[in-house]
PDB file of N, CA and C in Angstrom:
ATOM      1  N   MET A   1      93.441  95.281  95.715  1.00  0.00           N
ATOM      2  CA  MET A   1      93.871  96.570  96.202  1.00  0.00           C
ATOM      3  C   MET A   1      94.953  97.130  95.291  1.00  0.00           C
ATOM      4  N   ALA A   2      94.492  97.786  94.284  1.00  0.00           N
ATOM      5  CA  ALA A   2      95.402  98.340  93.285  1.00  0.00           C
ATOM      6  C   ALA A   2      96.367  99.350  93.884  1.00  0.00           C
ATOM      7  N   PHE A   3      95.952 100.058  94.931  1.00  0.00           N
ATOM      8  CA  PHE A   3      96.855 101.039  95.513  1.00  0.00           C
ATOM      9  C   PHE A   3      98.137 100.386  96.013  1.00  0.00           C
ATOM     10  N   LEU A   4      98.042  99.191  96.572  1.00  0.00           N
ATOM     11  CA  LEU A   4      99.233  98.506  97.057  1.00  0.00           C
ATOM     12  C   LEU A   4     100.092  98.041  95.899  1.00  0.00           C
ATOM     13  N   ALA A   5      99.509  97.406  94.932  1.00  0.00           N
ATOM     14  CA  ALA A   5     100.268  96.834  93.824  1.00  0.00           C
ATOM     15  C   ALA A   5     101.019  97.905  93.050  1.00  0.00           C
ATOM     16  N   CYS A   6     100.360  99.025  92.785  1.00  0.00           N
ATOM     17  CA  CYS A   6     101.003 100.054  91.964  1.00  0.00           C
ATOM     18  C   CYS A   6     101.720 101.100  92.797  1.00  0.00           C
ATOM     19  N   ARG A   7     101.694 100.935  94.116  1.00  0.00           N
ATOM     20  CA  ARG A   7     102.316 101.892  95.019  1.00  0.00           C
ATOM     21  C   ARG A   7     101.733 103.292  94.822  1.00  0.00           C
ATOM     22  N   GLY A   8     100.401 103.334  94.618  1.00  0.00           N
ATOM     23  CA  GLY A   8      99.724 104.578  94.312  1.00  0.00           C
ATOM     24  C   GLY A   8      99.385 105.431  95.516  1.00  0.00           C
ATOM     25  N   ALA A   9      99.369 104.846  96.700  1.00  0.00           N
ATOM     26  CA  ALA A   9      99.044 105.607  97.898  1.00  0.00           C
ATOM     27  C   ALA A   9      99.514 104.826  99.114  1.00  0.00           C
ATOM     28  N   SER A  10      99.745 105.550 100.180  1.00  0.00           N
ATOM     29  CA  SER A  10     100.132 104.914 101.440  1.00  0.00           C
ATOM     30  C   SER A  10      98.888 104.697 102.292  1.00  0.00           C
ATOM     31  N   LEU A  11      99.027 103.904 103.334  1.00  0.00           N
ATOM     32  CA  LEU A  11      97.918 103.695 104.270  1.00  0.00           C
ATOM     33  C   LEU A  11      97.494 105.021 104.890  1.00  0.00           C
ATOM     34  N   GLU A  12      98.460 105.874 105.193  1.00  0.00           N
ATOM     35  CA  GLU A  12      98.157 107.173 105.787  1.00  0.00           C
ATOM     36  C   GLU A  12      97.348 108.042 104.826  1.00  0.00           C
ATOM     37  N   GLN A  13      97.691 107.996 103.552  1.00  0.00           N
ATOM     38  CA  GLN A  13      96.937 108.768 102.568  1.00  0.00           C
ATOM     39  C   GLN A  13      95.516 108.241 102.420  1.00  0.00           C
ATOM     40  N   ILE A  14      95.364 106.935 102.417  1.00  0.00           N
ATOM     41  CA  ILE A  14      94.031 106.340 102.329  1.00  0.00           C
ATOM     42  C   ILE A  14      93.204 106.755 103.543  1.00  0.00           C
ATOM     43  N   ALA A  15      93.803 106.701 104.721  1.00  0.00           N
ATOM     44  CA  ALA A  15      93.086 107.046 105.949  1.00  0.00           C
ATOM     45  C   ALA A  15      92.660 108.513 105.984  1.00  0.00           C
ATOM     46  N   SER A  16      93.270 109.353 105.181  1.00  0.00           N
ATOM     47  CA  SER A  16      92.936 110.782 105.196  1.00  0.00           C
ATOM     48  C   SER A  16      91.911 111.173 104.131  1.00  0.00           C
ATOM     49  N   ILE A  17      91.410 110.221 103.350  1.00  0.00           N
ATOM     50  CA  ILE A  17      90.417 110.524 102.312  1.00  0.00           C
ATOM     51  C   ILE A  17      89.089 110.894 102.959  1.00  0.00           C
ATOM     52  N   ASP A  18      88.437 111.884 102.399  1.00  0.00           N
ATOM     53  CA  ASP A  18      87.092 112.253 102.835  1.00  0.00           C
ATOM     54  C   ASP A  18      86.167 111.082 102.499  1.00  0.00           C
ATOM     55  N   PRO A  19      85.491 110.496 103.482  1.00  0.00           N
ATOM     56  CA  PRO A  19      84.645 109.323 103.199  1.00  0.00           C
ATOM     57  C   PRO A  19      83.517 109.617 102.221  1.00  0.00           C
ATOM     58  N   ALA A  20      83.132 110.868 102.065  1.00  0.00           N
ATOM     59  CA  ALA A  20      82.088 111.214 101.107  1.00  0.00           C
ATOM     60  C   ALA A  20      82.554 110.979  99.669  1.00  0.00           C
ATOM     61  N   LEU A  21      83.869 110.851  99.477  1.00  0.00           N
ATOM     62  CA  LEU A  21      84.417 110.614  98.145  1.00  0.00           C
ATOM     63  C   LEU A  21      84.564 109.134  97.816  1.00  0.00           C
ATOM     64  N   ILE A  22      84.298 108.265  98.788  1.00  0.00           N
ATOM     65  CA  ILE A  22      84.413 106.825  98.579  1.00  0.00           C
ATOM     66  C   ILE A  22      83.024 106.275  98.292  1.00  0.00           C
ATOM     67  N   TYR A  23      82.866 105.619  97.140  1.00  0.00           N
ATOM     68  CA  TYR A  23      81.551 105.115  96.756  1.00  0.00           C
ATOM     69  C   TYR A  23      81.456 103.598  96.840  1.00  0.00           C
ATOM     70  N   ASN A  24      82.557 102.918  96.683  1.00  0.00           N
ATOM     71  CA  ASN A  24      82.595 101.463  96.750  1.00  0.00           C
ATOM     72  C   ASN A  24      84.059 101.070  96.892  1.00  0.00           C
ATOM     73  N   VAL A  25      84.309 100.026  97.623  1.00  0.00           N
ATOM     74  CA  VAL A  25      85.666  99.527  97.789  1.00  0.00           C
ATOM     75  C   VAL A  25      85.721  98.119  97.212  1.00  0.00           C
ATOM     76  N   HIS A  26      86.575  97.933  96.222  1.00  0.00           N
ATOM     77  CA  HIS A  26      86.785  96.624  95.622  1.00  0.00           C
ATOM     78  C   HIS A  26      87.965  95.966  96.334  1.00  0.00           C
ATOM     79  N   ILE A  27      87.774  94.751  96.779  1.00  0.00           N
ATOM     80  CA  ILE A  27      88.830  94.033  97.493  1.00  0.00           C
ATOM     81  C   ILE A  27      89.264  92.841  96.656  1.00  0.00           C
ATOM     82  N   SER A  28      90.550  92.788  96.409  1.00  0.00           N
ATOM     83  CA  SER A  28      91.129  91.620  95.748  1.00  0.00           C
ATOM     84  C   SER A  28      92.492  91.384  96.358  1.00  0.00           C
ATOM     85  N   ASP A  29      92.982  90.199  96.216  1.00  0.00           N
ATOM     86  CA  ASP A  29      94.287  89.841  96.773  1.00  0.00           C
ATOM     87  C   ASP A  29      95.192  89.420  95.633  1.00  0.00           C
ATOM     88  N   GLY A  30      96.449  89.453  95.876  1.00  0.00           N
ATOM     89  CA  GLY A  30      97.382  89.069  94.834  1.00  0.00           C
ATOM     90  C   GLY A  30      98.818  89.275  95.249  1.00  0.00           C
ATOM     91  N   ALA A  31      99.650  89.365  94.252  1.00  0.00           N
ATOM     92  CA  ALA A  31     101.079  89.556  94.458  1.00  0.00           C
ATOM     93  C   ALA A  31     101.428  91.000  94.114  1.00  0.00           C
ATOM     94  N   ARG A  32     102.563  91.436  94.590  1.00  0.00           N
ATOM     95  CA  ARG A  32     103.042  92.777  94.270  1.00  0.00           C
ATOM     96  C   ARG A  32     104.404  92.637  93.634  1.00  0.00           C
ATOM     97  N   PRO A  33     104.586  93.231  92.482  1.00  0.00           N
ATOM     98  CA  PRO A  33     105.896  93.127  91.823  1.00  0.00           C
ATOM     99  C   PRO A  33     106.984  93.755  92.685  1.00  0.00           C
ATOM    100  N   GLU A  34     108.173  93.205  92.578  1.00  0.00           N
ATOM    101  CA  GLU A  34     109.325  93.800  93.255  1.00  0.00           C
ATOM    102  C   GLU A  34     109.518  95.214  92.731  1.00  0.00           C
ATOM    103  N   LEU A  35     110.018  96.096  93.548  1.00  0.00           N
ATOM    104  CA  LEU A  35     110.289  97.466  93.134  1.00  0.00           C
ATOM    105  C   LEU A  35     111.224  97.449  91.929  1.00  0.00           C
ATOM    106  N   GLY A  36     110.814  98.072  90.841  1.00  0.00           N
ATOM    107  CA  GLY A  36     111.617  98.129  89.628  1.00  0.00           C
ATOM    108  C   GLY A  36     111.450  96.943  88.696  1.00  0.00           C
ATOM    109  N   ALA A  37     110.703  95.927  89.133  1.00  0.00           N
ATOM    110  CA  ALA A  37     110.498  94.743  88.290  1.00  0.00           C
ATOM    111  C   ALA A  37     109.470  95.043  87.197  1.00  0.00           C
ATOM    112  N   ALA A  38     109.551  94.288  86.133  1.00  0.00           N
ATOM    113  CA  ALA A  38     108.558  94.421  85.062  1.00  0.00           C
ATOM    114  C   ALA A  38     107.185  94.056  85.607  1.00  0.00           C
ATOM    115  N   TRP A  39     106.160  94.738  85.085  1.00  0.00           N
ATOM    116  CA  TRP A  39     104.802  94.448  85.531  1.00  0.00           C
ATOM    117  C   TRP A  39     104.405  93.061  85.044  1.00  0.00           C
ATOM    118  N   PRO A  40     103.944  92.174  85.936  1.00  0.00           N
ATOM    119  CA  PRO A  40     103.619  90.804  85.526  1.00  0.00           C
ATOM    120  C   PRO A  40     102.282  90.737  84.795  1.00  0.00           C
ATOM    121  N   ASP A  41     102.045  89.602  84.201  1.00  0.00           N
ATOM    122  CA  ASP A  41     100.749  89.308  83.621  1.00  0.00           C
ATOM    123  C   ASP A  41      99.701  89.443  84.728  1.00  0.00           C
ATOM    124  N   GLU A  42      98.580  90.058  84.411  1.00  0.00           N
ATOM    125  CA  GLU A  42      97.528  90.278  85.409  1.00  0.00           C
ATOM    126  C   GLU A  42      97.063  88.986  86.080  1.00  0.00           C
ATOM    127  N   ARG A  43      97.123  87.858  85.354  1.00  0.00           N
ATOM    128  CA  ARG A  43      96.699  86.591  85.959  1.00  0.00           C
ATOM    129  C   ARG A  43      97.604  86.215  87.119  1.00  0.00           C
ATOM    130  N   GLU A  44      98.889  86.527  87.015  1.00  0.00           N
ATOM    131  CA  GLU A  44      99.800  86.254  88.123  1.00  0.00           C
ATOM    132  C   GLU A  44      99.586  87.248  89.252  1.00  0.00           C
ATOM    133  N   LEU A  45      99.381  88.499  88.885  1.00  0.00           N
ATOM    134  CA  LEU A  45      99.214  89.553  89.873  1.00  0.00           C
ATOM    135  C   LEU A  45      97.947  89.371  90.697  1.00  0.00           C
ATOM    136  N   ARG A  46      96.861  88.991  90.043  1.00  0.00           N
ATOM    137  CA  ARG A  46      95.557  88.953  90.700  1.00  0.00           C
ATOM    138  C   ARG A  46      94.998  87.543  90.850  1.00  0.00           C
ATOM    139  N   GLY A  47      95.804  86.536  90.753  1.00  0.00           N
ATOM    140  CA  GLY A  47      95.321  85.162  90.795  1.00  0.00           C
ATOM    141  C   GLY A  47      95.271  84.564  92.182  1.00  0.00           C
ATOM    142  N   HIS A  48      94.774  85.311  93.160  1.00  0.00           N
ATOM    143  CA  HIS A  48      94.722  84.833  94.533  1.00  0.00           C
ATOM    144  C   HIS A  48      93.343  85.101  95.128  1.00  0.00           C
ATOM    145  N   PHE A  49      92.872  84.155  95.900  1.00  0.00           N
ATOM    146  CA  PHE A  49      91.646  84.396  96.647  1.00  0.00           C
ATOM    147  C   PHE A  49      91.967  85.310  97.823  1.00  0.00           C
ATOM    148  N   ILE A  50      90.951  86.004  98.318  1.00  0.00           N
ATOM    149  CA  ILE A  50      91.126  86.931  99.438  1.00  0.00           C
ATOM    150  C   ILE A  50      91.743  86.187 100.619  1.00  0.00           C
ATOM    151  N   GLY A  51      92.842  86.746 101.099  1.00  0.00           N
ATOM    152  CA  GLY A  51      93.549  86.145 102.222  1.00  0.00           C
ATOM    153  C   GLY A  51      94.653  85.187 101.830  1.00  0.00           C
ATOM    154  N   HIS A  52      94.841  84.953 100.528  1.00  0.00           N
ATOM    155  CA  HIS A  52      95.844  84.003 100.065  1.00  0.00           C
ATOM    156  C   HIS A  52      96.959  84.662  99.254  1.00  0.00           C
ATOM    157  N   GLY A  53      96.957  85.967  99.199  1.00  0.00           N
ATOM    158  CA  GLY A  53      97.988  86.684  98.461  1.00  0.00           C
ATOM    159  C   GLY A  53      98.948  87.392  99.405  1.00  0.00           C
ATOM    160  N   ASP A  54      99.676  88.327  98.858  1.00  0.00           N
ATOM    161  CA  ASP A  54     100.693  89.054  99.607  1.00  0.00           C
ATOM    162  C   ASP A  54     100.196  90.368 100.204  1.00  0.00           C
ATOM    163  N   ILE A  55      99.007  90.781  99.868  1.00  0.00           N
ATOM    164  CA  ILE A  55      98.514  92.093 100.276  1.00  0.00           C
ATOM    165  C   ILE A  55      98.037  92.054 101.729  1.00  0.00           C
ATOM    166  N   PRO A  56      98.499  92.992 102.551  1.00  0.00           N
ATOM    167  CA  PRO A  56      98.011  93.060 103.934  1.00  0.00           C
ATOM    168  C   PRO A  56      96.613  93.699 103.954  1.00  0.00           C
ATOM    169  N   LEU A  57      95.630  92.936 103.520  1.00  0.00           N
ATOM    170  CA  LEU A  57      94.282  93.468 103.321  1.00  0.00           C
ATOM    171  C   LEU A  57      93.691  94.080 104.581  1.00  0.00           C
ATOM    172  N   GLN A  58      93.935  93.474 105.733  1.00  0.00           N
ATOM    173  CA  GLN A  58      93.346  94.013 106.971  1.00  0.00           C
ATOM    174  C   GLN A  58      93.834  95.430 107.222  1.00  0.00           C
ATOM    175  N   GLU A  59      95.102  95.710 106.962  1.00  0.00           N
ATOM    176  CA  GLU A  59      95.638  97.063 107.151  1.00  0.00           C
ATOM    177  C   GLU A  59      94.938  98.058 106.226  1.00  0.00           C
ATOM    178  N   TRP A  60      94.682  97.651 104.989  1.00  0.00           N
ATOM    179  CA  TRP A  60      94.029  98.535 104.028  1.00  0.00           C
ATOM    180  C   TRP A  60      92.564  98.751 104.387  1.00  0.00           C
ATOM    181  N   VAL A  61      91.873  97.693 104.777  1.00  0.00           N
ATOM    182  CA  VAL A  61      90.476  97.834 105.192  1.00  0.00           C
ATOM    183  C   VAL A  61      90.396  98.711 106.437  1.00  0.00           C
ATOM    184  N   ASP A  62      91.296  98.509 107.374  1.00  0.00           N
ATOM    185  CA  ASP A  62      91.306  99.342 108.586  1.00  0.00           C
ATOM    186  C   ASP A  62      91.525 100.812 108.242  1.00  0.00           C
ATOM    187  N   ALA A  63      92.414 101.090 107.296  1.00  0.00           N
ATOM    188  CA  ALA A  63      92.668 102.474 106.881  1.00  0.00           C
ATOM    189  C   ALA A  63      91.413 103.088 106.267  1.00  0.00           C
ATOM    190  N   ILE A  64      90.723 102.318 105.445  1.00  0.00           N
ATOM    191  CA  ILE A  64      89.491 102.818 104.826  1.00  0.00           C
ATOM    192  C   ILE A  64      88.424 103.051 105.893  1.00  0.00           C
ATOM    193  N   GLN A  65      88.269 102.109 106.797  1.00  0.00           N
ATOM    194  CA  GLN A  65      87.253 102.254 107.832  1.00  0.00           C
ATOM    195  C   GLN A  65      87.571 103.407 108.774  1.00  0.00           C
ATOM    196  N   SER A  66      88.854 103.717 108.960  1.00  0.00           N
ATOM    197  CA  SER A  66      89.212 104.826 109.843  1.00  0.00           C
ATOM    198  C   SER A  66      88.757 106.176 109.298  1.00  0.00           C
ATOM    199  N   THR A  67      88.410 106.233 108.023  1.00  0.00           N
ATOM    200  CA  THR A  67      87.889 107.474 107.434  1.00  0.00           C
ATOM    201  C   THR A  67      86.453 107.736 107.870  1.00  0.00           C
ATOM    202  N   GLY A  68      85.783 106.708 108.363  1.00  0.00           N
ATOM    203  CA  GLY A  68      84.371 106.806 108.685  1.00  0.00           C
ATOM    204  C   GLY A  68      83.488 106.218 107.595  1.00  0.00           C
ATOM    205  N   TYR A  69      84.094 105.743 106.520  1.00  0.00           N
ATOM    206  CA  TYR A  69      83.327 105.118 105.432  1.00  0.00           C
ATOM    207  C   TYR A  69      82.611 103.898 105.974  1.00  0.00           C
ATOM    208  N   ASP A  70      81.323 103.811 105.677  1.00  0.00           N
ATOM    209  CA  ASP A  70      80.550 102.644 106.108  1.00  0.00           C
ATOM    210  C   ASP A  70      79.698 102.102 104.966  1.00  0.00           C
ATOM    211  N   GLY A  71      80.205 102.270 103.754  1.00  0.00           N
ATOM    212  CA  GLY A  71      79.469 101.851 102.574  1.00  0.00           C
ATOM    213  C   GLY A  71      79.779 100.443 102.117  1.00  0.00           C
ATOM    214  N   PHE A  72      79.614 100.262 100.842  1.00  0.00           N
ATOM    215  CA  PHE A  72      79.658  98.958 100.198  1.00  0.00           C
ATOM    216  C   PHE A  72      81.085  98.504  99.913  1.00  0.00           C
ATOM    217  N   TYR A  73      81.355  97.226 100.169  1.00  0.00           N
ATOM    218  CA  TYR A  73      82.610  96.575  99.812  1.00  0.00           C
ATOM    219  C   TYR A  73      82.253  95.409  98.895  1.00  0.00           C
ATOM    220  N   SER A  74      83.069  95.169  97.894  1.00  0.00           N
ATOM    221  CA  SER A  74      82.819  94.028  97.020  1.00  0.00           C
ATOM    222  C   SER A  74      84.115  93.292  96.729  1.00  0.00           C
ATOM    223  N   GLY A  75      84.010  91.992  96.608  1.00  0.00           N
ATOM    224  CA  GLY A  75      85.149  91.184  96.201  1.00  0.00           C
ATOM    225  C   GLY A  75      85.342  91.339  94.704  1.00  0.00           C
ATOM    226  N   GLU A  76      86.580  91.369  94.289  1.00  0.00           N
ATOM    227  CA  GLU A  76      86.870  91.571  92.871  1.00  0.00           C
ATOM    228  C   GLU A  76      87.897  90.544  92.411  1.00  0.00           C
ATOM    229  N   TYR A  77      87.566  89.845  91.340  1.00  0.00           N
ATOM    230  CA  TYR A  77      88.488  88.895  90.748  1.00  0.00           C
ATOM    231  C   TYR A  77      88.700  89.251  89.300  1.00  0.00           C
ATOM    232  N   LEU A  78      89.882  89.680  88.980  1.00  0.00           N
ATOM    233  CA  LEU A  78      90.227  90.018  87.602  1.00  0.00           C
ATOM    234  C   LEU A  78      91.187  88.962  87.084  1.00  0.00           C
ATOM    235  N   ASN A  79      90.705  87.747  87.082  1.00  0.00           N
ATOM    236  CA  ASN A  79      91.546  86.624  86.723  1.00  0.00           C
ATOM    237  C   ASN A  79      90.713  85.602  85.957  1.00  0.00           C
ATOM    238  N   ASP A  80      91.051  85.401  84.689  1.00  0.00           N
ATOM    239  CA  ASP A  80      90.239  84.509  83.859  1.00  0.00           C
ATOM    240  C   ASP A  80      90.254  83.067  84.346  1.00  0.00           C
ATOM    241  N   GLN A  81      91.301  82.649  85.030  1.00  0.00           N
ATOM    242  CA  GLN A  81      91.331  81.290  85.556  1.00  0.00           C
ATOM    243  C   GLN A  81      90.300  81.112  86.668  1.00  0.00           C
ATOM    244  N   MET A  82      90.087  82.149  87.466  1.00  0.00           N
ATOM    245  CA  MET A  82      89.057  82.085  88.503  1.00  0.00           C
ATOM    246  C   MET A  82      87.665  82.152  87.881  1.00  0.00           C
ATOM    247  N   TRP A  83      87.516  82.929  86.821  1.00  0.00           N
ATOM    248  CA  TRP A  83      86.213  83.039  86.150  1.00  0.00           C
ATOM    249  C   TRP A  83      85.766  81.694  85.602  1.00  0.00           C
ATOM    250  N   GLU A  84      86.702  80.826  85.263  1.00  0.00           N
ATOM    251  CA  GLU A  84      86.378  79.535  84.679  1.00  0.00           C
ATOM    252  C   GLU A  84      86.065  78.470  85.728  1.00  0.00           C
ATOM    253  N   GLN A  85      86.257  78.795  86.998  1.00  0.00           N
ATOM    254  CA  GLN A  85      85.973  77.835  88.057  1.00  0.00           C
ATOM    255  C   GLN A  85      84.479  77.830  88.366  1.00  0.00           C
ATOM    256  N   ASP A  86      84.067  76.886  89.187  1.00  0.00           N
ATOM    257  CA  ASP A  86      82.677  76.791  89.619  1.00  0.00           C
ATOM    258  C   ASP A  86      82.295  78.071  90.362  1.00  0.00           C
ATOM    259  N   TYR A  87      81.247  78.738  89.886  1.00  0.00           N
ATOM    260  CA  TYR A  87      80.853  80.033  90.456  1.00  0.00           C
ATOM    261  C   TYR A  87      80.514  79.938  91.939  1.00  0.00           C
ATOM    262  N   HIS A  88      79.855  78.881  92.322  1.00  0.00           N
ATOM    263  CA  HIS A  88      79.486  78.724  93.733  1.00  0.00           C
ATOM    264  C   HIS A  88      80.731  78.605  94.602  1.00  0.00           C
ATOM    265  N   ASP A  89      81.702  77.828  94.164  1.00  0.00           N
ATOM    266  CA  ASP A  89      82.942  77.673  94.926  1.00  0.00           C
ATOM    267  C   ASP A  89      83.694  78.997  95.034  1.00  0.00           C
ATOM    268  N   VAL A  90      83.770  79.724  93.928  1.00  0.00           N
ATOM    269  CA  VAL A  90      84.467  81.011  93.930  1.00  0.00           C
ATOM    270  C   VAL A  90      83.756  81.996  94.853  1.00  0.00           C
ATOM    271  N   ALA A  91      82.437  82.074  94.757  1.00  0.00           N
ATOM    272  CA  ALA A  91      81.676  82.996  95.601  1.00  0.00           C
ATOM    273  C   ALA A  91      81.808  82.626  97.077  1.00  0.00           C
ATOM    274  N   THR A  92      81.806  81.338  97.379  1.00  0.00           N
ATOM    275  CA  THR A  92      81.959  80.887  98.762  1.00  0.00           C
ATOM    276  C   THR A  92      83.324  81.296  99.308  1.00  0.00           C
ATOM    277  N   LYS A  93      84.373  81.089  98.532  1.00  0.00           N
ATOM    278  CA  LYS A  93      85.719  81.480  98.970  1.00  0.00           C
ATOM    279  C   LYS A  93      85.824  82.992  99.121  1.00  0.00           C
ATOM    280  N   MET A  94      85.191  83.739  98.204  1.00  0.00           N
ATOM    281  CA  MET A  94      85.205  85.191  98.298  1.00  0.00           C
ATOM    282  C   MET A  94      84.520  85.641  99.583  1.00  0.00           C
ATOM    283  N   LEU A  95      83.358  85.108  99.861  1.00  0.00           N
ATOM    284  CA  LEU A  95      82.626  85.479 101.065  1.00  0.00           C
ATOM    285  C   LEU A  95      83.417  85.124 102.326  1.00  0.00           C
ATOM    286  N   GLN A  96      83.994  83.944 102.362  1.00  0.00           N
ATOM    287  CA  GLN A  96      84.788  83.535 103.524  1.00  0.00           C
ATOM    288  C   GLN A  96      85.965  84.501 103.726  1.00  0.00           C
ATOM    289  N   GLY A  97      86.639  84.855 102.645  1.00  0.00           N
ATOM    290  CA  GLY A  97      87.765  85.776 102.745  1.00  0.00           C
ATOM    291  C   GLY A  97      87.350  87.151 103.222  1.00  0.00           C
ATOM    292  N   MET A  98      86.231  87.641 102.708  1.00  0.00           N
ATOM    293  CA  MET A  98      85.760  88.967 103.117  1.00  0.00           C
ATOM    294  C   MET A  98      85.290  88.979 104.572  1.00  0.00           C
ATOM    295  N   LYS A  99      84.691  87.871 105.013  1.00  0.00           N
ATOM    296  CA  LYS A  99      84.241  87.820 106.405  1.00  0.00           C
ATOM    297  C   LYS A  99      85.405  87.921 107.386  1.00  0.00           C
ATOM    298  N   THR A 100      86.576  87.487 106.991  1.00  0.00           N
ATOM    299  CA  THR A 100      87.724  87.590 107.902  1.00  0.00           C
ATOM    300  C   THR A 100      88.168  89.036 108.089  1.00  0.00           C
ATOM    301  N   LEU A 101      87.783  89.920 107.163  1.00  0.00           N
ATOM    302  CA  LEU A 101      88.218  91.316 107.210  1.00  0.00           C
ATOM    303  C   LEU A 101      87.266  92.217 107.995  1.00  0.00           C
ATOM    304  N   PHE A 102      86.032  91.739 108.242  1.00  0.00           N
ATOM    305  CA  PHE A 102      85.029  92.605 108.862  1.00  0.00           C
ATOM    306  C   PHE A 102      84.435  91.987 110.097  1.00  0.00           C
TER     307      PHE A 102
END
């Protein structure tokens, strides 16, 4: 959820988006830099499985769903350390994490 990490939008702003403008929602978990802190290496920022980071994912998913959007959601891992793990294990953890949100 890049909006949380970069402070690009509030939950209220997300909830007010026209659902016709939403085509896909990528879900990832991670850490959020302290306000004013240097931007960390992406591996640190995004090196968490869904449900194991600092992002309140349920609040963000709820905000998106409150728009009426009923389209596609996908898990997203932008972390080379996760890419090097067993694909089946990573996919299983991703699916388990996403199931907790829906």
